[in-house]
Amino acid sequence: MIKAIERLIEMIEAAEEALAEAKEASYPDDDTKRDVLDMHQNQINSLEFARHDAIKGLQEAMKEAGISEPGIIAELMR
């Protein structure tokens, strides 16, 4: 599960880079630019929600297993 969360973090970072590049790109009109930026932002939001849910699931699994290692969760919350 930790690997999946790390992969989500990588995907979020890539999506944020894509958003930054999209902000610098030129578009035929403002509506197109807004639509493209909204699409990128929605992707980031979706990935952030997935990361949050995965971390919450990991916390529950650790709790059920009797593992209390806050460093694991703290690292993934960065």
N, C-alpha and C. Protein backbone atom coordinates (compact mmCIF):
# COMPACT_ATOMS: atom_id res chain seq x y z
N MET A 1 0.83 -1.19 0.00
CA MET A 1 0.00 0.00 0.00
C MET A 1 0.88 1.26 0.00
N ILE A 2 2.01 1.18 0.69
CA ILE A 2 2.92 2.33 0.72
C ILE A 2 3.43 2.64 -0.68
N LYS A 3 3.76 1.62 -1.44
CA LYS A 3 4.23 1.82 -2.82
C LYS A 3 3.15 2.50 -3.67
N ALA A 4 1.89 2.12 -3.45
CA ALA A 4 0.79 2.74 -4.21
C ALA A 4 0.67 4.21 -3.86
N ILE A 5 0.83 4.54 -2.59
CA ILE A 5 0.76 5.95 -2.18
C ILE A 5 1.95 6.72 -2.75
N GLU A 6 3.12 6.12 -2.73
CA GLU A 6 4.28 6.78 -3.33
C GLU A 6 4.07 7.01 -4.82
N ARG A 7 3.45 6.06 -5.48
CA ARG A 7 3.15 6.22 -6.92
C ARG A 7 2.16 7.36 -7.12
N LEU A 8 1.16 7.47 -6.25
CA LEU A 8 0.21 8.59 -6.35
C LEU A 8 0.93 9.92 -6.17
N ILE A 9 1.87 9.97 -5.25
CA ILE A 9 2.63 11.20 -5.04
C ILE A 9 3.41 11.57 -6.30
N GLU A 10 4.02 10.57 -6.94
CA GLU A 10 4.73 10.82 -8.19
C GLU A 10 3.78 11.33 -9.27
N MET A 11 2.60 10.75 -9.33
CA MET A 11 1.61 11.17 -10.32
C MET A 11 1.15 12.60 -10.06
N ILE A 12 0.98 12.95 -8.79
CA ILE A 12 0.59 14.32 -8.43
C ILE A 12 1.68 15.29 -8.87
N GLU A 13 2.92 14.96 -8.59
CA GLU A 13 4.03 15.83 -8.99
C GLU A 13 4.07 16.01 -10.50
N ALA A 14 3.86 14.93 -11.24
CA ALA A 14 3.85 15.02 -12.71
C ALA A 14 2.68 15.87 -13.19
N ALA A 15 1.53 15.70 -12.56
CA ALA A 15 0.34 16.47 -12.94
C ALA A 15 0.54 17.95 -12.64
N GLU A 16 1.22 18.26 -11.53
CA GLU A 16 1.51 19.66 -11.20
C GLU A 16 2.47 20.28 -12.21
N GLU A 17 3.44 19.49 -12.66
CA GLU A 17 4.36 19.98 -13.70
C GLU A 17 3.61 20.23 -15.00
N ALA A 18 2.70 19.32 -15.34
CA ALA A 18 1.90 19.49 -16.56
C ALA A 18 1.04 20.74 -16.46
N LEU A 19 0.48 21.01 -15.29
CA LEU A 19 -0.32 22.21 -15.09
C LEU A 19 0.55 23.46 -15.26
N ALA A 20 1.74 23.44 -14.70
CA ALA A 20 2.63 24.60 -14.83
C ALA A 20 2.98 24.85 -16.30
N GLU A 21 3.23 23.78 -17.03
CA GLU A 21 3.54 23.93 -18.46
C GLU A 21 2.32 24.43 -19.22
N ALA A 22 1.14 23.94 -18.85
CA ALA A 22 -0.08 24.37 -19.52
C ALA A 22 -0.34 25.85 -19.28
N LYS A 23 0.02 26.34 -18.11
CA LYS A 23 -0.17 27.76 -17.81
C LYS A 23 0.70 28.64 -18.71
N GLU A 24 1.84 28.12 -19.13
CA GLU A 24 2.76 28.88 -19.96
C GLU A 24 2.49 28.73 -21.45
N ALA A 25 1.69 27.75 -21.82
CA ALA A 25 1.42 27.50 -23.24
C ALA A 25 0.51 28.58 -23.82
N SER A 26 0.52 28.67 -25.15
CA SER A 26 -0.38 29.63 -25.80
C SER A 26 -1.60 28.87 -26.32
N TYR A 27 -2.73 29.54 -26.30
CA TYR A 27 -4.01 28.94 -26.69
C TYR A 27 -4.72 29.87 -27.65
N PRO A 28 -5.60 29.30 -28.47
CA PRO A 28 -6.29 30.14 -29.45
C PRO A 28 -7.23 31.16 -28.80
N ASP A 29 -7.74 30.84 -27.60
CA ASP A 29 -8.64 31.78 -26.92
C ASP A 29 -8.65 31.48 -25.42
N ASP A 30 -9.23 32.39 -24.66
CA ASP A 30 -9.26 32.26 -23.20
C ASP A 30 -10.09 31.07 -22.73
N ASP A 31 -11.16 30.78 -23.46
CA ASP A 31 -12.00 29.64 -23.06
C ASP A 31 -11.23 28.32 -23.15
N THR A 32 -10.47 28.17 -24.20
CA THR A 32 -9.67 26.95 -24.37
C THR A 32 -8.64 26.84 -23.25
N LYS A 33 -7.97 27.95 -22.96
CA LYS A 33 -6.98 27.95 -21.90
C LYS A 33 -7.63 27.57 -20.57
N ARG A 34 -8.75 28.16 -20.26
CA ARG A 34 -9.46 27.87 -19.01
C ARG A 34 -9.85 26.41 -18.94
N ASP A 35 -10.36 25.86 -20.05
CA ASP A 35 -10.75 24.45 -20.07
C ASP A 35 -9.56 23.53 -19.84
N VAL A 36 -8.44 23.83 -20.47
CA VAL A 36 -7.24 23.00 -20.31
C VAL A 36 -6.73 23.08 -18.88
N LEU A 37 -6.66 24.28 -18.33
CA LEU A 37 -6.19 24.44 -16.95
C LEU A 37 -7.13 23.77 -15.96
N ASP A 38 -8.43 23.89 -16.20
CA ASP A 38 -9.40 23.21 -15.34
C ASP A 38 -9.22 21.70 -15.37
N MET A 39 -8.97 21.16 -16.57
CA MET A 39 -8.77 19.73 -16.71
C MET A 39 -7.56 19.28 -15.89
N HIS A 40 -6.47 20.02 -16.00
CA HIS A 40 -5.26 19.68 -15.24
C HIS A 40 -5.51 19.79 -13.73
N GLN A 41 -6.19 20.84 -13.32
CA GLN A 41 -6.46 21.03 -11.90
C GLN A 41 -7.38 19.93 -11.37
N ASN A 42 -8.36 19.54 -12.16
CA ASN A 42 -9.26 18.46 -11.75
C ASN A 42 -8.50 17.14 -11.59
N GLN A 43 -7.53 16.91 -12.48
CA GLN A 43 -6.72 15.70 -12.37
C GLN A 43 -5.92 15.71 -11.07
N ILE A 44 -5.33 16.85 -10.75
CA ILE A 44 -4.57 16.97 -9.50
C ILE A 44 -5.48 16.74 -8.31
N ASN A 45 -6.64 17.36 -8.32
CA ASN A 45 -7.58 17.19 -7.21
C ASN A 45 -7.97 15.73 -7.03
N SER A 46 -8.23 15.07 -8.12
CA SER A 46 -8.61 13.66 -8.08
C SER A 46 -7.48 12.80 -7.49
N LEU A 47 -6.26 13.06 -7.91
CA LEU A 47 -5.11 12.32 -7.39
C LEU A 47 -4.89 12.62 -5.90
N GLU A 48 -5.10 13.86 -5.50
CA GLU A 48 -4.96 14.23 -4.08
C GLU A 48 -6.00 13.49 -3.23
N PHE A 49 -7.23 13.41 -3.72
CA PHE A 49 -8.27 12.66 -3.00
C PHE A 49 -7.90 11.19 -2.89
N ALA A 50 -7.37 10.64 -3.96
CA ALA A 50 -6.97 9.22 -3.95
C ALA A 50 -5.83 9.01 -2.95
N ARG A 51 -4.88 9.92 -2.91
CA ARG A 51 -3.78 9.82 -1.95
C ARG A 51 -4.31 9.89 -0.53
N HIS A 52 -5.20 10.83 -0.28
CA HIS A 52 -5.79 10.97 1.06
C HIS A 52 -6.51 9.69 1.47
N ASP A 53 -7.31 9.15 0.57
CA ASP A 53 -8.04 7.91 0.88
C ASP A 53 -7.09 6.74 1.12
N ALA A 54 -6.02 6.67 0.35
CA ALA A 54 -5.06 5.58 0.51
C ALA A 54 -4.32 5.70 1.85
N ILE A 55 -3.97 6.92 2.23
CA ILE A 55 -3.30 7.12 3.52
C ILE A 55 -4.24 6.76 4.66
N LYS A 56 -5.48 7.15 4.52
CA LYS A 56 -6.48 6.81 5.54
C LYS A 56 -6.63 5.29 5.65
N GLY A 57 -6.65 4.61 4.53
CA GLY A 57 -6.72 3.15 4.52
C GLY A 57 -5.50 2.52 5.16
N LEU A 58 -4.33 3.08 4.89
CA LEU A 58 -3.10 2.59 5.49
C LEU A 58 -3.13 2.78 7.00
N GLN A 59 -3.61 3.94 7.45
CA GLN A 59 -3.72 4.19 8.88
C GLN A 59 -4.62 3.15 9.55
N GLU A 60 -5.74 2.87 8.91
CA GLU A 60 -6.67 1.87 9.46
C GLU A 60 -6.03 0.49 9.51
N ALA A 61 -5.34 0.13 8.44
CA ALA A 61 -4.69 -1.19 8.38
C ALA A 61 -3.60 -1.29 9.45
N MET A 62 -2.85 -0.22 9.63
CA MET A 62 -1.80 -0.23 10.66
C MET A 62 -2.42 -0.34 12.05
N LYS A 63 -3.50 0.38 12.25
CA LYS A 63 -4.19 0.34 13.54
C LYS A 63 -4.69 -1.07 13.84
N GLU A 64 -5.31 -1.70 12.85
CA GLU A 64 -5.82 -3.06 13.02
C GLU A 64 -4.69 -4.06 13.28
N ALA A 65 -3.52 -3.81 12.70
CA ALA A 65 -2.39 -4.70 12.88
C ALA A 65 -1.60 -4.38 14.15
N GLY A 66 -1.99 -3.33 14.84
CA GLY A 66 -1.30 -2.94 16.06
C GLY A 66 0.03 -2.25 15.82
N ILE A 67 0.19 -1.66 14.66
CA ILE A 67 1.43 -0.96 14.31
C ILE A 67 1.22 0.53 14.54
N SER A 68 2.09 1.11 15.32
CA SER A 68 2.00 2.56 15.55
C SER A 68 3.34 3.20 15.20
N GLU A 69 3.51 3.45 13.93
CA GLU A 69 4.74 4.06 13.42
C GLU A 69 4.35 5.35 12.71
N PRO A 70 4.24 6.46 13.46
CA PRO A 70 3.79 7.72 12.86
C PRO A 70 4.72 8.24 11.77
N GLY A 71 5.98 7.82 11.78
CA GLY A 71 6.92 8.28 10.76
C GLY A 71 6.52 7.87 9.37
N ILE A 72 5.91 6.69 9.23
CA ILE A 72 5.46 6.22 7.92
C ILE A 72 4.41 7.15 7.36
N ILE A 73 3.42 7.47 8.18
CA ILE A 73 2.32 8.34 7.73
C ILE A 73 2.83 9.76 7.49
N ALA A 74 3.67 10.25 8.38
CA ALA A 74 4.21 11.61 8.22
C ALA A 74 4.95 11.76 6.91
N GLU A 75 5.73 10.76 6.55
CA GLU A 75 6.49 10.82 5.28
C GLU A 75 5.56 10.88 4.08
N LEU A 76 4.45 10.16 4.15
CA LEU A 76 3.52 10.11 3.02
C LEU A 76 2.62 11.35 2.95
N MET A 77 2.55 12.11 4.04
CA MET A 77 1.69 13.29 4.09
C MET A 77 2.39 14.53 3.54
N ARG A 78 3.66 14.42 3.22
CA ARG A 78 4.42 15.59 2.77
C ARG A 78 3.79 16.30 1.64
